[in-house]
Protein backbone atom coordinates (compact mmCIF):
# COMPACT_ATOMS: atom_id res chain seq x y z
CA UNK A 1 -4.11 6.73 -2.40
CA UNK A 2 -3.32 3.18 -3.58
CA UNK A 3 -2.29 0.52 -1.12
CA UNK A 4 1.10 -1.16 -1.44
CA UNK A 5 1.01 -4.75 -2.68
CA UNK A 6 4.09 -6.86 -1.94
CA UNK A 7 5.12 -10.42 -2.81
CA UNK A 8 7.21 -12.40 -0.35
CA UNK A 9 7.89 -15.69 1.38
CA UNK A 10 6.34 -16.82 4.66
CA UNK A 11 9.07 -17.33 7.28
CA UNK A 12 6.89 -17.87 10.36
CA UNK A 13 3.31 -18.99 11.01
CA UNK A 14 3.51 -19.71 14.76
CA UNK A 15 1.11 -16.94 15.81
CA UNK A 16 -2.67 -17.24 15.57
CA UNK A 17 -4.05 -15.48 12.45
CA UNK A 18 -0.65 -13.87 11.80
CA UNK A 19 2.17 -14.70 9.41
CA UNK A 20 5.59 -13.12 9.04
CA UNK A 21 6.53 -12.47 5.41
CA UNK A 22 10.04 -11.74 4.13
CA UNK A 23 10.10 -9.40 1.11
CA UNK A 24 13.36 -9.28 -0.86
CA UNK A 25 14.49 -6.47 -3.14
CA UNK A 26 17.66 -6.01 -5.16
CA UNK A 27 19.58 -2.73 -4.90
CA UNK A 28 22.77 -1.62 -6.60
CA UNK A 29 25.70 -0.73 -4.36
CA UNK A 30 26.64 2.91 -4.94
CA UNK A 31 30.42 2.40 -4.91
CA UNK A 32 30.94 -1.15 -6.18
CA UNK A 33 27.99 -1.22 -8.66
CA UNK A 34 27.13 -4.74 -7.53
CA UNK A 35 23.59 -5.90 -6.85
CA UNK A 36 22.81 -6.74 -3.22
CA UNK A 37 19.70 -8.47 -1.88
CA UNK A 38 18.00 -6.53 0.92
CA UNK A 39 15.09 -8.00 2.85
CA UNK A 40 12.36 -6.74 5.15
CA UNK A 41 9.99 -8.67 7.39
CA UNK A 42 6.31 -7.74 7.64
CA UNK A 43 3.64 -9.16 9.92
CA UNK A 44 0.45 -9.84 7.99
CA UNK A 45 -3.08 -10.85 8.99
CA UNK A 46 -4.07 -14.37 7.87
CA UNK A 47 -7.71 -14.78 8.90
CA UNK A 48 -8.04 -18.47 7.95
CA UNK A 49 -4.55 -19.61 9.09
CA UNK A 50 -4.15 -20.97 5.56
CA UNK A 51 -0.43 -20.30 4.98
CA UNK A 52 2.56 -22.29 6.11
CA UNK A 53 6.30 -21.67 6.12
CA UNK A 54 7.77 -21.52 2.62
CA UNK A 55 4.63 -20.33 0.82
CA UNK A 56 4.91 -17.42 -1.59
CA UNK A 57 2.16 -14.92 -0.79
CA UNK A 58 0.83 -11.52 -1.90
CA UNK A 59 0.07 -9.05 0.91
CA UNK A 60 -1.64 -5.63 0.86
CA UNK A 61 -1.29 -2.61 3.11
CA UNK A 62 -4.28 -1.96 5.37
CA UNK A 63 -5.26 -0.08 8.51
CA UNK A 64 -3.31 -0.94 11.67
CA UNK A 65 -4.66 -4.19 13.10
CA UNK A 66 -2.24 -4.37 16.03
CA UNK A 67 1.04 -2.84 17.12
CA UNK A 68 2.98 -4.68 14.42
CA UNK A 69 0.39 -5.72 11.80
CA UNK A 70 -0.21 -3.27 8.93
CA UNK A 71 -0.67 -5.79 6.12
CA UNK A 72 -3.28 -8.39 5.20
CA UNK A 73 -3.04 -11.54 3.13
CA UNK A 74 -4.56 -11.31 -0.36
CA UNK A 75 -3.66 -14.70 -1.84
CA UNK A 76 -1.18 -17.55 -1.90
CA UNK A 77 0.86 -17.36 -5.10
CA UNK A 78 2.75 -20.64 -4.75
CA UNK A 79 3.84 -23.26 -2.26
């Protein structure tokens, strides 16, 4: 089974070897037919502490690393 790969923005890097990534998606409202931005926050493992707030990153699903971490950092896409 393939692992999910998501692209998002780093919103927190205060923890050691952990970043919090906000992933946005656009959905259409069922009644008003207007596009709405929905967001989710994922904790991801950053082994080298290389990311800072505002970076655009690509994360991949992995085995559970802690109670909240189920993703790992693949690469930094932009700053």
